[in-house]
Amino acid sequence: MVEAVEKELKKIGITVSKPVLAIICIIFGLLVIIFPDLLQWIVGLFLIIQGILILTDYLELRKQPSP
């Protein structure tokens, strides 16, 4: 899971160290445990952002000339 997040962040030019990414994951995990309703917002935002990244990646690949 961490590798997938790192890969997507590198695609858009963001690099995050593993300890920082681990702390972010722990914070989000604790927030979900403390506020269960927050899970739907976190998952929803993640899916929207992931969808935008996939779509922009697809459009960039489509613009490139075929070999």
PDB file of N, CA and C in Angstrom:
ATOM      1  N   MET A   1       0.825  -1.192   0.000  1.00  0.00           N
ATOM      2  CA  MET A   1       0.000   0.000   0.000  1.00  0.00           C
ATOM      3  C   MET A   1       0.868   1.253   0.000  1.00  0.00           C
ATOM      4  N   VAL A   2       1.914   1.258   0.817  1.00  0.00           N
ATOM      5  CA  VAL A   2       2.796   2.419   0.892  1.00  0.00           C
ATOM      6  C   VAL A   2       3.475   2.653  -0.448  1.00  0.00           C
ATOM      7  N   GLU A   3       3.868   1.558  -1.106  1.00  0.00           N
ATOM      8  CA  GLU A   3       4.533   1.696  -2.402  1.00  0.00           C
ATOM      9  C   GLU A   3       3.598   2.321  -3.436  1.00  0.00           C
ATOM     10  N   ALA A   4       2.326   1.958  -3.395  1.00  0.00           N
ATOM     11  CA  ALA A   4       1.356   2.522  -4.335  1.00  0.00           C
ATOM     12  C   ALA A   4       1.196   4.021  -4.112  1.00  0.00           C
ATOM     13  N   VAL A   5       1.133   4.426  -2.855  1.00  0.00           N
ATOM     14  CA  VAL A   5       1.004   5.855  -2.542  1.00  0.00           C
ATOM     15  C   VAL A   5       2.260   6.599  -2.974  1.00  0.00           C
ATOM     16  N   GLU A   6       3.438   6.027  -2.676  1.00  0.00           N
ATOM     17  CA  GLU A   6       4.697   6.672  -3.075  1.00  0.00           C
ATOM     18  C   GLU A   6       4.780   6.814  -4.591  1.00  0.00           C
ATOM     19  N   LYS A   7       4.351   5.786  -5.317  1.00  0.00           N
ATOM     20  CA  LYS A   7       4.391   5.813  -6.782  1.00  0.00           C
ATOM     21  C   LYS A   7       3.517   6.942  -7.328  1.00  0.00           C
ATOM     22  N   GLU A   8       2.311   7.060  -6.792  1.00  0.00           N
ATOM     23  CA  GLU A   8       1.400   8.105  -7.265  1.00  0.00           C
ATOM     24  C   GLU A   8       1.909   9.497  -6.903  1.00  0.00           C
ATOM     25  N   LEU A   9       2.496   9.638  -5.725  1.00  0.00           N
ATOM     26  CA  LEU A   9       3.042  10.940  -5.340  1.00  0.00           C
ATOM     27  C   LEU A   9       4.224  11.322  -6.224  1.00  0.00           C
ATOM     28  N   LYS A  10       5.061  10.349  -6.572  1.00  0.00           N
ATOM     29  CA  LYS A  10       6.203  10.634  -7.445  1.00  0.00           C
ATOM     30  C   LYS A  10       5.742  11.052  -8.834  1.00  0.00           C
ATOM     31  N   LYS A  11       4.608  10.488  -9.289  1.00  0.00           N
ATOM     32  CA  LYS A  11       4.071  10.845 -10.606  1.00  0.00           C
ATOM     33  C   LYS A  11       3.779  12.335 -10.699  1.00  0.00           C
ATOM     34  N   ILE A  12       3.279  12.903  -9.606  1.00  0.00           N
ATOM     35  CA  ILE A  12       2.935  14.326  -9.639  1.00  0.00           C
ATOM     36  C   ILE A  12       4.044  15.191  -9.061  1.00  0.00           C
ATOM     37  N   GLY A  13       5.201  14.587  -8.802  1.00  0.00           N
ATOM     38  CA  GLY A  13       6.366  15.358  -8.390  1.00  0.00           C
ATOM     39  C   GLY A  13       6.490  15.610  -6.905  1.00  0.00           C
ATOM     40  N   ILE A  14       5.836  14.803  -6.092  1.00  0.00           N
ATOM     41  CA  ILE A  14       5.929  14.963  -4.644  1.00  0.00           C
ATOM     42  C   ILE A  14       6.679  13.767  -4.074  1.00  0.00           C
ATOM     43  N   THR A  15       7.726  14.041  -3.299  1.00  0.00           N
ATOM     44  CA  THR A  15       8.436  12.954  -2.632  1.00  0.00           C
ATOM     45  C   THR A  15       8.232  13.085  -1.130  1.00  0.00           C
ATOM     46  N   VAL A  16       7.923  11.971  -0.500  1.00  0.00           N
ATOM     47  CA  VAL A  16       7.679  11.936   0.938  1.00  0.00           C
ATOM     48  C   VAL A  16       8.496  10.788   1.509  1.00  0.00           C
ATOM     49  N   SER A  17       9.191  11.052   2.609  1.00  0.00           N
ATOM     50  CA  SER A  17       9.978   9.986   3.219  1.00  0.00           C
ATOM     51  C   SER A  17       9.045   8.975   3.884  1.00  0.00           C
ATOM     52  N   LYS A  18       9.535   7.749   4.039  1.00  0.00           N
ATOM     53  CA  LYS A  18       8.703   6.704   4.636  1.00  0.00           C
ATOM     54  C   LYS A  18       8.268   7.034   6.065  1.00  0.00           C
ATOM     55  N   PRO A  19       9.143   7.599   6.913  1.00  0.00           N
ATOM     56  CA  PRO A  19       8.657   7.941   8.260  1.00  0.00           C
ATOM     57  C   PRO A  19       7.518   8.964   8.243  1.00  0.00           C
ATOM     58  N   VAL A  20       7.598   9.943   7.361  1.00  0.00           N
ATOM     59  CA  VAL A  20       6.531  10.948   7.269  1.00  0.00           C
ATOM     60  C   VAL A  20       5.242  10.290   6.791  1.00  0.00           C
ATOM     61  N   LEU A  21       5.356   9.428   5.784  1.00  0.00           N
ATOM     62  CA  LEU A  21       4.188   8.725   5.267  1.00  0.00           C
ATOM     63  C   LEU A  21       3.587   7.821   6.342  1.00  0.00           C
ATOM     64  N   ALA A  22       4.437   7.173   7.136  1.00  0.00           N
ATOM     65  CA  ALA A  22       3.956   6.310   8.223  1.00  0.00           C
ATOM     66  C   ALA A  22       3.201   7.123   9.268  1.00  0.00           C
ATOM     67  N   ILE A  23       3.723   8.289   9.621  1.00  0.00           N
ATOM     68  CA  ILE A  23       3.059   9.143  10.612  1.00  0.00           C
ATOM     69  C   ILE A  23       1.710   9.619  10.087  1.00  0.00           C
ATOM     70  N   ILE A  24       1.666   9.988   8.813  1.00  0.00           N
ATOM     71  CA  ILE A  24       0.397  10.415   8.210  1.00  0.00           C
ATOM     72  C   ILE A  24      -0.621   9.280   8.259  1.00  0.00           C
ATOM     73  N   CYS A  25      -0.184   8.059   7.937  1.00  0.00           N
ATOM     74  CA  CYS A  25      -1.085   6.901   7.982  1.00  0.00           C
ATOM     75  C   CYS A  25      -1.587   6.644   9.397  1.00  0.00           C
ATOM     76  N   ILE A  26      -0.701   6.756  10.383  1.00  0.00           N
ATOM     77  CA  ILE A  26      -1.101   6.547  11.778  1.00  0.00           C
ATOM     78  C   ILE A  26      -2.117   7.599  12.204  1.00  0.00           C
ATOM     79  N   ILE A  27      -1.876   8.845  11.836  1.00  0.00           N
ATOM     80  CA  ILE A  27      -2.809   9.926  12.194  1.00  0.00           C
ATOM     81  C   ILE A  27      -4.183   9.674  11.581  1.00  0.00           C
ATOM     82  N   PHE A  28      -4.217   9.327  10.291  1.00  0.00           N
ATOM     83  CA  PHE A  28      -5.503   9.057   9.650  1.00  0.00           C
ATOM     84  C   PHE A  28      -6.176   7.839  10.267  1.00  0.00           C
ATOM     85  N   GLY A  29      -5.395   6.816  10.617  1.00  0.00           N
ATOM     86  CA  GLY A  29      -5.960   5.641  11.276  1.00  0.00           C
ATOM     87  C   GLY A  29      -6.592   5.983  12.610  1.00  0.00           C
ATOM     88  N   LEU A  30      -5.901   6.793  13.399  1.00  0.00           N
ATOM     89  CA  LEU A  30      -6.451   7.214  14.692  1.00  0.00           C
ATOM     90  C   LEU A  30      -7.709   8.059  14.521  1.00  0.00           C
ATOM     91  N   LEU A  31      -7.696   8.941  13.531  1.00  0.00           N
ATOM     92  CA  LEU A  31      -8.883   9.765  13.283  1.00  0.00           C
ATOM     93  C   LEU A  31     -10.084   8.906  12.917  1.00  0.00           C
ATOM     94  N   VAL A  32      -9.855   7.857  12.129  1.00  0.00           N
ATOM     95  CA  VAL A  32     -10.951   6.970  11.738  1.00  0.00           C
ATOM     96  C   VAL A  32     -11.478   6.205  12.951  1.00  0.00           C
ATOM     97  N   ILE A  33     -10.574   5.788  13.841  1.00  0.00           N
ATOM     98  CA  ILE A  33     -11.009   5.075  15.047  1.00  0.00           C
ATOM     99  C   ILE A  33     -11.797   6.010  15.967  1.00  0.00           C
ATOM    100  N   ILE A  34     -11.317   7.232  16.128  1.00  0.00           N
ATOM    101  CA  ILE A  34     -11.972   8.178  17.032  1.00  0.00           C
ATOM    102  C   ILE A  34     -13.277   8.706  16.432  1.00  0.00           C
ATOM    103  N   PHE A  35     -13.256   9.004  15.144  1.00  0.00           N
ATOM    104  CA  PHE A  35     -14.428   9.544  14.446  1.00  0.00           C
ATOM    105  C   PHE A  35     -14.792   8.611  13.289  1.00  0.00           C
ATOM    106  N   PRO A  36     -15.567   7.553  13.530  1.00  0.00           N
ATOM    107  CA  PRO A  36     -15.880   6.583  12.466  1.00  0.00           C
ATOM    108  C   PRO A  36     -16.557   7.214  11.245  1.00  0.00           C
ATOM    109  N   ASP A  37     -17.337   8.260  11.442  1.00  0.00           N
ATOM    110  CA  ASP A  37     -17.994   8.905  10.302  1.00  0.00           C
ATOM    111  C   ASP A  37     -16.989   9.573   9.372  1.00  0.00           C
ATOM    112  N   LEU A  38     -15.809   9.857   9.886  1.00  0.00           N
ATOM    113  CA  LEU A  38     -14.769  10.487   9.079  1.00  0.00           C
ATOM    114  C   LEU A  38     -14.262   9.551   7.985  1.00  0.00           C
ATOM    115  N   LEU A  39     -14.442   8.245   8.180  1.00  0.00           N
ATOM    116  CA  LEU A  39     -13.959   7.265   7.211  1.00  0.00           C
ATOM    117  C   LEU A  39     -14.552   7.500   5.829  1.00  0.00           C
ATOM    118  N   GLN A  40     -15.829   7.784   5.765  1.00  0.00           N
ATOM    119  CA  GLN A  40     -16.451   7.996   4.463  1.00  0.00           C
ATOM    120  C   GLN A  40     -15.865   9.217   3.755  1.00  0.00           C
ATOM    121  N   TRP A  41     -15.515  10.246   4.496  1.00  0.00           N
ATOM    122  CA  TRP A  41     -14.897  11.426   3.893  1.00  0.00           C
ATOM    123  C   TRP A  41     -13.489  11.119   3.401  1.00  0.00           C
ATOM    124  N   ILE A  42     -12.717  10.404   4.223  1.00  0.00           N
ATOM    125  CA  ILE A  42     -11.341  10.074   3.841  1.00  0.00           C
ATOM    126  C   ILE A  42     -11.336   9.194   2.600  1.00  0.00           C
ATOM    127  N   VAL A  43     -12.172   8.164   2.598  1.00  0.00           N
ATOM    128  CA  VAL A  43     -12.232   7.263   1.440  1.00  0.00           C
ATOM    129  C   VAL A  43     -12.746   8.012   0.218  1.00  0.00           C
ATOM    130  N   GLY A  44     -13.760   8.826   0.397  1.00  0.00           N
ATOM    131  CA  GLY A  44     -14.300   9.590  -0.726  1.00  0.00           C
ATOM    132  C   GLY A  44     -13.274  10.530  -1.332  1.00  0.00           C
ATOM    133  N   LEU A  45     -12.559  11.270  -0.491  1.00  0.00           N
ATOM    134  CA  LEU A  45     -11.521  12.177  -0.997  1.00  0.00           C
ATOM    135  C   LEU A  45     -10.395  11.408  -1.677  1.00  0.00           C
ATOM    136  N   PHE A  46      -9.998  10.277  -1.077  1.00  0.00           N
ATOM    137  CA  PHE A  46      -8.952   9.456  -1.679  1.00  0.00           C
ATOM    138  C   PHE A  46      -9.367   8.987  -3.068  1.00  0.00           C
ATOM    139  N   LEU A  47     -10.592   8.512  -3.199  1.00  0.00           N
ATOM    140  CA  LEU A  47     -11.051   8.014  -4.496  1.00  0.00           C
ATOM    141  C   LEU A  47     -11.160   9.131  -5.531  1.00  0.00           C
ATOM    142  N   ILE A  48     -11.604  10.295  -5.121  1.00  0.00           N
ATOM    143  CA  ILE A  48     -11.686  11.428  -6.047  1.00  0.00           C
ATOM    144  C   ILE A  48     -10.294  11.826  -6.522  1.00  0.00           C
ATOM    145  N   ILE A  49      -9.355  11.956  -5.588  1.00  0.00           N
ATOM    146  CA  ILE A  49      -7.985  12.333  -5.951  1.00  0.00           C
ATOM    147  C   ILE A  49      -7.352  11.264  -6.829  1.00  0.00           C
ATOM    148  N   GLN A  50      -7.547   9.996  -6.472  1.00  0.00           N
ATOM    149  CA  GLN A  50      -6.987   8.898  -7.258  1.00  0.00           C
ATOM    150  C   GLN A  50      -7.579   8.901  -8.667  1.00  0.00           C
ATOM    151  N   GLY A  51      -8.867   9.134  -8.772  1.00  0.00           N
ATOM    152  CA  GLY A  51      -9.510   9.188 -10.080  1.00  0.00           C
ATOM    153  C   GLY A  51      -8.967  10.319 -10.939  1.00  0.00           C
ATOM    154  N   ILE A  52      -8.746  11.477 -10.347  1.00  0.00           N
ATOM    155  CA  ILE A  52      -8.174  12.610 -11.083  1.00  0.00           C
ATOM    156  C   ILE A  52      -6.764  12.281 -11.555  1.00  0.00           C
ATOM    157  N   LEU A  53      -5.956  11.666 -10.683  1.00  0.00           N
ATOM    158  CA  LEU A  53      -4.586  11.304 -11.066  1.00  0.00           C
ATOM    159  C   LEU A  53      -4.569  10.282 -12.198  1.00  0.00           C
ATOM    160  N   ILE A  54      -5.443   9.285 -12.123  1.00  0.00           N
ATOM    161  CA  ILE A  54      -5.504   8.268 -13.175  1.00  0.00           C
ATOM    162  C   ILE A  54      -5.945   8.898 -14.489  1.00  0.00           C
ATOM    163  N   LEU A  55      -6.938   9.762 -14.432  1.00  0.00           N
ATOM    164  CA  LEU A  55      -7.438  10.409 -15.647  1.00  0.00           C
ATOM    165  C   LEU A  55      -6.382  11.309 -16.277  1.00  0.00           C
ATOM    166  N   THR A  56      -5.670  12.097 -15.481  1.00  0.00           N
ATOM    167  CA  THR A  56      -4.625  12.959 -16.042  1.00  0.00           C
ATOM    168  C   THR A  56      -3.478  12.135 -16.608  1.00  0.00           C
ATOM    169  N   ASP A  57      -3.141  11.024 -15.951  1.00  0.00           N
ATOM    170  CA  ASP A  57      -2.096  10.139 -16.472  1.00  0.00           C
ATOM    171  C   ASP A  57      -2.520   9.555 -17.816  1.00  0.00           C
ATOM    172  N   TYR A  58      -3.768   9.136 -17.923  1.00  0.00           N
ATOM    173  CA  TYR A  58      -4.295   8.594 -19.174  1.00  0.00           C
ATOM    174  C   TYR A  58      -4.261   9.640 -20.284  1.00  0.00           C
ATOM    175  N   LEU A  59      -4.679  10.859 -19.962  1.00  0.00           N
ATOM    176  CA  LEU A  59      -4.698  11.910 -20.976  1.00  0.00           C
ATOM    177  C   LEU A  59      -3.285  12.283 -21.428  1.00  0.00           C
ATOM    178  N   GLU A  60      -2.318  12.268 -20.508  1.00  0.00           N
ATOM    179  CA  GLU A  60      -0.931  12.547 -20.885  1.00  0.00           C
ATOM    180  C   GLU A  60      -0.379  11.455 -21.789  1.00  0.00           C
ATOM    181  N   LEU A  61      -0.684  10.206 -21.481  1.00  0.00           N
ATOM    182  CA  LEU A  61      -0.223   9.102 -22.324  1.00  0.00           C
ATOM    183  C   LEU A  61      -0.871   9.160 -23.703  1.00  0.00           C
ATOM    184  N   ARG A  62      -2.099   9.598 -23.753  1.00  0.00           N
ATOM    185  CA  ARG A  62      -2.818   9.679 -25.025  1.00  0.00           C
ATOM    186  C   ARG A  62      -2.249  10.777 -25.931  1.00  0.00           C
ATOM    187  N   LYS A  63      -1.714  11.853 -25.314  1.00  0.00           N
ATOM    188  CA  LYS A  63      -1.141  12.952 -26.085  1.00  0.00           C
ATOM    189  C   LYS A  63       0.181  12.573 -26.739  1.00  0.00           C
ATOM    190  N   GLN A  64       0.899  11.614 -26.132  1.00  0.00           N
ATOM    191  CA  GLN A  64       2.208  11.241 -26.658  1.00  0.00           C
ATOM    192  C   GLN A  64       2.039  10.485 -27.970  1.00  0.00           C
ATOM    193  N   PRO A  65       2.944  10.744 -28.929  1.00  0.00           N
ATOM    194  CA  PRO A  65       2.849  10.031 -30.204  1.00  0.00           C
ATOM    195  C   PRO A  65       3.184   8.550 -30.028  1.00  0.00           C
ATOM    196  N   SER A  66       2.530   7.722 -30.819  1.00  0.00           N
ATOM    197  CA  SER A  66       2.791   6.280 -30.769  1.00  0.00           C
ATOM    198  C   SER A  66       4.145   5.973 -31.384  1.00  0.00           C
ATOM    199  N   PRO A  67       4.865   4.980 -30.818  1.00  0.00           N
ATOM    200  CA  PRO A  67       6.192   4.646 -31.384  1.00  0.00           C
ATOM    201  C   PRO A  67       6.100   3.905 -32.694  1.00  0.00           C
TER     202      PRO A  67
END
